[in-house]
């Protein structure tokens, strides 16, 4: 019976590359070495099919190289893209993602935080809807879209600027009477500012506007009734609508078509998020685009921050407008 070969070790890599063991360790841990040494080590790693033992590496550095990422669900295209971008950024830094979908349940959120702490993850990136969420101060924590206070950094899009931009674009496209439609949490968070920016822009431009805001869980029929109430002699009173998300905009556009109201000829619609069909094709509607990749990179950069300086409590990233066929060019 032939003796089974054991997996190659760092010593084997060092012998194959003709370098010191410490040089191999530096290359594996991303510490700068001479270019020729780095190339020789990487070639030896590939030739020997050496696999880095992350568990042993973690024991030495007191790290698990794992970041917990918590989002409300994996159904929303926006959350899916956000998770994908965070995972890509983590992989580039040599980290893995522990993914938790909370289904907007505050108890699940808290349970996942406790589980993540018990798993000794190196940090948590969280999009939370739990107003009472408790997190240990011993673990790095980054919030997305929710400002907890100066002790927890928050990364968000410029929601206020996005709401303002939506109103300005509708006015620029010739709209004279606007509506703002929102379905969402009662929780005060960064996306709540979309309404504030919209209202501010309308009042600055002396544009009449109407708000229709309902809480999560309210049947969609509330919007159907709202639209029906504002149709006079087959014509909608509004000629411009800003929906708080692309998902809501998509539903509203379909409802308007059912009511024989043409988009964008009779009424123009702008959503918010920048969702694309099948992830990377056309926009579902004209929209305010969130910089998802930048949000992900900033969150990962902050959670892996090795500097002693405290990060800012709120980082607000710029948004852009994109034409998606539901406004007039």
Protein backbone atom coordinates (compact mmCIF):
# COMPACT_ATOMS: atom_id res chain seq x y z
CA UNK A 1 0.00 0.00 0.00
CA UNK A 2 1.46 3.35 -1.02
CA UNK A 3 1.86 6.04 1.59
CA UNK A 4 -0.68 8.85 1.17
CA UNK A 5 0.94 12.23 0.58
CA UNK A 6 0.11 14.88 3.18
CA UNK A 7 -0.93 18.39 2.19
CA UNK A 8 1.95 20.76 1.42
CA UNK A 9 3.06 23.05 4.22
CA UNK A 10 4.56 26.53 4.35
CA UNK A 11 7.96 24.85 4.76
CA UNK A 12 7.40 23.00 1.48
CA UNK A 13 6.50 26.30 -0.22
CA UNK A 14 9.62 27.97 1.18
CA UNK A 15 11.80 25.05 0.00
CA UNK A 16 10.24 25.10 -3.49
CA UNK A 17 10.59 28.89 -3.80
CA UNK A 18 14.10 28.94 -2.35
CA UNK A 19 13.22 31.57 0.25
CA UNK A 20 13.00 31.82 4.02
CA UNK A 21 9.86 30.62 5.83
CA UNK A 22 9.27 34.19 7.05
CA UNK A 23 9.13 35.42 3.46
CA UNK A 24 6.34 32.93 2.67
CA UNK A 25 4.46 34.09 5.76
CA UNK A 26 4.73 37.72 4.68
CA UNK A 27 3.41 36.98 1.18
CA UNK A 28 0.48 34.98 2.54
CA UNK A 29 -0.42 37.75 4.99
CA UNK A 30 -0.12 40.54 2.44
CA UNK A 31 3.03 42.09 3.93
CA UNK A 32 5.25 43.72 1.28
CA UNK A 33 8.36 41.82 0.14
CA UNK A 34 10.63 42.16 -2.85
CA UNK A 35 8.77 41.64 -6.13
CA UNK A 36 10.99 38.73 -7.21
CA UNK A 37 10.41 36.97 -3.86
CA UNK A 38 6.66 37.48 -4.10
CA UNK A 39 6.53 35.99 -7.60
CA UNK A 40 8.60 32.96 -6.56
CA UNK A 41 6.39 32.30 -3.53
CA UNK A 42 3.16 32.65 -5.51
CA UNK A 43 4.49 30.33 -8.22
CA UNK A 44 5.46 27.76 -5.56
CA UNK A 45 2.02 28.03 -3.93
CA UNK A 46 0.37 27.36 -7.28
CA UNK A 47 2.72 24.51 -8.23
CA UNK A 48 2.27 22.71 -4.89
CA UNK A 49 -1.46 23.53 -4.70
CA UNK A 50 -0.86 24.92 -1.21
CA UNK A 51 -3.98 25.89 0.69
CA UNK A 52 -3.85 28.57 3.37
CA UNK A 53 -5.13 27.30 6.72
CA UNK A 54 -7.43 30.17 7.67
CA UNK A 55 -8.31 28.50 10.97
CA UNK A 56 -4.68 28.41 12.10
CA UNK A 57 -4.14 31.87 10.66
CA UNK A 58 -7.10 33.07 12.71
CA UNK A 59 -5.80 31.54 15.92
CA UNK A 60 -2.52 33.40 15.54
CA UNK A 61 -4.15 36.73 14.74
CA UNK A 62 -7.19 36.30 17.02
CA UNK A 63 -9.45 36.72 13.99
CA UNK A 64 -11.94 34.55 12.11
CA UNK A 65 -11.71 36.55 8.86
CA UNK A 66 -15.51 36.47 8.79
CA UNK A 67 -17.92 39.43 8.70
CA UNK A 68 -21.64 38.98 9.44
CA UNK A 69 -23.94 40.80 6.99
CA UNK A 70 -27.58 41.32 7.97
CA UNK A 71 -30.28 42.44 5.53
CA UNK A 72 -34.10 42.39 5.74
CA UNK A 73 -34.54 39.80 2.97
CA UNK A 74 -33.04 38.22 -0.15
CA UNK A 75 -36.12 38.87 -2.30
CA UNK A 76 -35.66 42.58 -2.92
CA UNK A 77 -33.34 43.13 -5.93
CA UNK A 78 -31.73 46.07 -4.12
CA UNK A 79 -30.80 44.00 -1.04
CA UNK A 80 -29.53 41.18 -3.27
CA UNK A 81 -27.22 43.52 -5.17
CA UNK A 82 -26.03 45.13 -1.95
CA UNK A 83 -25.15 41.71 -0.49
CA UNK A 84 -23.39 40.71 -3.71
CA UNK A 85 -21.26 43.88 -3.68
CA UNK A 86 -20.38 43.50 0.01
CA UNK A 87 -19.36 39.88 -0.54
CA UNK A 88 -17.20 40.84 -3.52
CA UNK A 89 -15.46 43.55 -1.49
CA UNK A 90 -14.89 41.20 1.46
CA UNK A 91 -13.38 38.51 -0.79
CA UNK A 92 -10.96 41.07 -2.22
CA UNK A 93 -9.74 41.65 1.34
CA UNK A 94 -9.44 37.94 2.14
CA UNK A 95 -12.60 37.78 4.26
CA UNK A 96 -15.74 35.63 4.16
CA UNK A 97 -19.37 36.63 4.67
CA UNK A 98 -21.81 35.16 7.18
CA UNK A 99 -25.17 36.12 5.63
CA UNK A 100 -28.31 36.64 7.74
CA UNK A 101 -31.75 37.50 6.31
CA UNK A 102 -34.00 38.86 9.07
CA UNK A 103 -37.38 39.16 7.31
CA UNK A 104 -37.83 42.56 9.00
CA UNK A 105 -38.27 40.73 12.32
CA UNK A 106 -36.72 42.65 15.28
CA UNK A 107 -36.38 39.47 17.34
CA UNK A 108 -34.58 37.69 14.50
CA UNK A 109 -32.26 40.67 14.12
CA UNK A 110 -31.29 40.52 17.78
CA UNK A 111 -30.90 36.74 17.64
CA UNK A 112 -28.60 37.02 14.63
CA UNK A 113 -26.48 39.66 16.35
CA UNK A 114 -26.07 37.37 19.36
CA UNK A 115 -25.23 34.43 17.10
CA UNK A 116 -22.66 36.52 15.20
CA UNK A 117 -21.02 37.57 18.47
CA UNK A 118 -20.90 33.93 19.63
CA UNK A 119 -19.31 32.90 16.32
CA UNK A 120 -16.56 35.45 17.06
CA UNK A 121 -16.98 37.25 13.75
CA UNK A 122 -14.66 40.18 13.16
CA UNK A 123 -17.52 42.62 12.62
CA UNK A 124 -21.15 43.12 11.63
CA UNK A 125 -22.57 45.10 8.69
CA UNK A 126 -26.28 45.54 9.29
CA UNK A 127 -29.35 47.05 7.67
CA UNK A 128 -31.60 47.05 10.73
CA UNK A 129 -35.29 47.72 11.39
CA UNK A 130 -35.10 47.03 15.12
CA UNK A 131 -35.30 50.29 17.12
CA UNK A 132 -34.11 48.46 20.26
CA UNK A 133 -31.19 46.56 18.70
CA UNK A 134 -28.40 45.89 21.21
CA UNK A 135 -24.84 45.29 20.06
CA UNK A 136 -21.76 44.61 22.16
CA UNK A 137 -19.22 47.43 22.09
CA UNK A 138 -16.48 44.81 21.73
CA UNK A 139 -17.40 44.01 18.12
CA UNK A 140 -17.09 46.44 15.19
CA UNK A 141 -20.53 47.35 13.84
CA UNK A 142 -21.48 49.33 10.73
CA UNK A 143 -25.06 50.37 10.05
CA UNK A 144 -26.53 50.94 6.60
CA UNK A 145 -29.35 53.52 6.24
CA UNK A 146 -29.96 53.74 9.98
CA UNK A 147 -28.36 56.26 12.33
CA UNK A 148 -28.04 54.77 15.81
CA UNK A 149 -25.89 57.53 17.26
CA UNK A 150 -22.33 58.80 17.23
CA UNK A 151 -21.01 55.50 18.66
CA UNK A 152 -22.04 53.46 15.57
CA UNK A 153 -20.94 54.54 12.08
CA UNK A 154 -23.72 54.74 9.48
CA UNK A 155 -23.29 54.55 5.70
CA UNK A 156 -26.13 55.82 3.51
CA UNK A 157 -26.96 57.39 0.17
CA UNK A 158 -27.85 61.06 0.01
CA UNK A 159 -31.55 60.33 0.44
CA UNK A 160 -32.47 63.97 0.98
CA UNK A 161 -30.58 64.99 -2.14
CA UNK A 162 -32.21 62.12 -4.04
CA UNK A 163 -35.72 63.25 -3.14
CA UNK A 164 -34.84 66.79 -4.15
CA UNK A 165 -33.33 65.57 -7.43
CA UNK A 166 -36.47 63.55 -8.25
CA UNK A 167 -38.73 66.60 -7.86
CA UNK A 168 -36.36 68.77 -9.89
CA UNK A 169 -36.18 66.21 -12.71
CA UNK A 170 -39.98 65.91 -12.89
CA UNK A 171 -40.23 69.70 -13.06
CA UNK A 172 -37.48 69.80 -15.69
CA UNK A 173 -39.53 67.32 -17.75
CA UNK A 174 -42.52 69.67 -17.67
CA UNK A 175 -44.56 68.33 -14.72
CA UNK A 176 -46.81 70.88 -12.98
CA UNK A 177 -48.54 68.87 -10.24
CA UNK A 178 -46.62 66.16 -8.33
CA UNK A 179 -47.38 63.27 -5.99
CA UNK A 180 -45.10 61.46 -3.53
CA UNK A 181 -45.94 57.83 -2.75
CA UNK A 182 -44.38 55.87 0.07
CA UNK A 183 -44.88 52.55 1.79
CA UNK A 184 -42.41 51.82 4.52
CA UNK A 185 -41.40 51.55 8.14
CA UNK A 186 -42.51 53.99 10.81
CA UNK A 187 -38.90 53.95 11.94
CA UNK A 188 -37.00 57.18 11.42
CA UNK A 189 -34.03 56.31 9.22
CA UNK A 190 -31.99 57.81 6.41
CA UNK A 191 -34.46 56.82 3.60
CA UNK A 192 -37.12 58.85 5.44
CA UNK A 193 -35.27 61.92 4.17
CA UNK A 194 -36.38 61.21 0.59
CA UNK A 195 -39.71 62.80 1.40
CA UNK A 196 -38.07 65.82 3.03
CA UNK A 197 -35.90 66.50 -0.03
CA UNK A 198 -38.88 66.13 -2.35
CA UNK A 199 -41.05 68.50 -0.30
CA UNK A 200 -38.27 71.06 -0.02
CA UNK A 201 -37.72 71.08 -3.78
CA UNK A 202 -41.44 71.36 -4.56
CA UNK A 203 -41.87 74.28 -2.18
CA UNK A 204 -38.76 75.99 -3.52
CA UNK A 205 -40.15 75.73 -7.06
CA UNK A 206 -43.73 76.60 -5.98
CA UNK A 207 -44.92 73.28 -7.40
CA UNK A 208 -48.14 71.83 -5.93
CA UNK A 209 -47.70 68.34 -4.47
CA UNK A 210 -49.63 65.65 -2.62
CA UNK A 211 -48.24 63.04 -0.21
CA UNK A 212 -49.56 59.50 0.14
CA UNK A 213 -47.69 57.66 2.90
CA UNK A 214 -48.70 54.28 4.34
CA UNK A 215 -46.98 51.93 6.79
CA UNK A 216 -45.49 48.51 6.03
CA UNK A 217 -48.19 45.86 5.91
CA UNK A 218 -50.82 48.17 4.45
CA UNK A 219 -52.52 46.51 1.44
CA UNK A 220 -51.41 47.87 -1.92
CA UNK A 221 -55.08 48.67 -2.59
CA UNK A 222 -54.50 51.87 -0.59
CA UNK A 223 -52.52 53.24 -3.55
CA UNK A 224 -55.03 52.00 -6.09
CA UNK A 225 -57.76 53.83 -4.19
CA UNK A 226 -55.61 56.95 -3.95
CA UNK A 227 -55.03 57.03 -7.70
CA UNK A 228 -58.72 56.35 -8.43
CA UNK A 229 -59.76 59.23 -6.18
CA UNK A 230 -57.58 61.60 -8.22
CA UNK A 231 -58.87 60.64 -11.65
CA UNK A 232 -61.33 63.15 -13.09
CA UNK A 233 -63.01 62.43 -16.42
CA UNK A 234 -60.41 59.78 -17.23
CA UNK A 235 -57.46 62.05 -16.48
CA UNK A 236 -55.12 61.82 -13.50
CA UNK A 237 -54.75 65.09 -11.59
CA UNK A 238 -51.00 64.53 -11.25
CA UNK A 239 -48.59 64.63 -14.16
CA UNK A 240 -45.56 63.57 -12.13
CA UNK A 241 -45.12 60.88 -9.43
CA UNK A 242 -42.11 60.14 -7.24
CA UNK A 243 -42.18 56.70 -5.61
CA UNK A 244 -39.97 56.02 -2.61
CA UNK A 245 -38.59 52.80 -4.21
CA UNK A 246 -38.34 51.31 -7.69
CA UNK A 247 -40.40 48.37 -6.47
CA UNK A 248 -43.32 50.64 -5.63
CA UNK A 249 -42.83 52.56 -8.89
CA UNK A 250 -43.09 49.31 -10.85
CA UNK A 251 -46.42 48.49 -9.18
CA UNK A 252 -47.76 52.02 -9.70
CA UNK A 253 -46.82 51.99 -13.39
CA UNK A 254 -48.70 48.72 -13.91
CA UNK A 255 -51.75 50.09 -12.06
CA UNK A 256 -51.74 53.24 -14.21
CA UNK A 257 -51.62 51.13 -17.37
CA UNK A 258 -54.63 49.15 -16.10
CA UNK A 259 -56.44 52.47 -15.59
CA UNK A 260 -55.64 53.45 -19.21
CA UNK A 261 -53.27 56.20 -18.08
CA UNK A 262 -50.13 56.27 -20.20
CA UNK A 263 -46.61 56.54 -18.80
CA UNK A 264 -44.83 58.85 -19.56
CA UNK A 265 -47.28 60.59 -21.92
CA UNK A 266 -49.97 61.30 -19.30
CA UNK A 267 -47.93 61.00 -16.12
CA UNK A 268 -44.19 60.68 -15.56
CA UNK A 269 -42.81 58.40 -12.83
CA UNK A 270 -39.48 58.32 -11.00
CA UNK A 271 -38.45 55.63 -8.51
CA UNK A 272 -35.52 55.31 -6.14
CA UNK A 273 -32.75 52.65 -5.90
CA UNK A 274 -31.51 52.09 -9.46
CA UNK A 275 -32.75 48.51 -9.86
CA UNK A 276 -32.05 46.87 -13.21
CA UNK A 277 -33.82 43.97 -14.90
CA UNK A 278 -31.94 40.69 -14.34
CA UNK A 279 -29.40 42.61 -12.30
CA UNK A 280 -27.46 44.34 -15.07
CA UNK A 281 -29.83 45.11 -17.96
CA UNK A 282 -32.30 47.99 -18.38
CA UNK A 283 -33.66 50.06 -15.51
CA UNK A 284 -37.22 49.19 -14.51
CA UNK A 285 -38.09 52.88 -14.53
CA UNK A 286 -36.52 56.31 -14.47
CA UNK A 287 -34.85 56.33 -11.09
CA UNK A 288 -32.55 57.86 -8.51
CA UNK A 289 -29.59 55.49 -8.45
CA UNK A 290 -27.95 54.51 -5.18
CA UNK A 291 -24.16 53.92 -5.44
CA UNK A 292 -24.39 50.31 -4.21
CA UNK A 293 -20.81 49.31 -5.00
CA UNK A 294 -19.47 52.37 -3.22
CA UNK A 295 -21.75 51.73 -0.22
CA UNK A 296 -20.39 48.18 -0.02
CA UNK A 297 -16.74 49.25 -0.35
CA UNK A 298 -17.10 51.97 2.29
CA UNK A 299 -18.80 49.57 4.74
CA UNK A 300 -16.11 46.93 4.27
CA UNK A 301 -13.32 49.48 4.48
CA UNK A 302 -14.70 50.84 7.75
CA UNK A 303 -15.37 47.43 9.33
CA UNK A 304 -11.80 46.35 8.54
CA UNK A 305 -10.34 49.69 9.61
CA UNK A 306 -7.06 49.03 11.43
CA UNK A 307 -6.41 52.64 12.34
CA UNK A 308 -6.91 54.01 15.84
CA UNK A 309 -8.83 57.04 14.61
CA UNK A 310 -12.60 56.93 15.04
CA UNK A 311 -14.60 56.76 11.80
CA UNK A 312 -17.23 59.46 11.10
CA UNK A 313 -20.68 58.72 12.55
CA UNK A 314 -22.43 59.29 9.19
CA UNK A 315 -21.11 58.92 5.67
CA UNK A 316 -23.52 60.17 3.00
CA UNK A 317 -22.75 59.10 -0.58
CA UNK A 318 -24.04 60.98 -3.66
CA UNK A 319 -26.85 59.62 -5.85
CA UNK A 320 -27.52 60.14 -9.56
CA UNK A 321 -30.53 60.25 -11.87
CA UNK A 322 -30.95 57.66 -14.63
CA UNK A 323 -33.48 57.68 -17.46
CA UNK A 324 -35.51 54.49 -17.57
CA UNK A 325 -38.31 55.24 -20.02
CA UNK A 326 -40.94 56.49 -17.55
CA UNK A 327 -40.04 60.16 -17.93
CA UNK A 328 -39.78 62.35 -21.01
CA UNK A 329 -36.25 62.84 -22.26
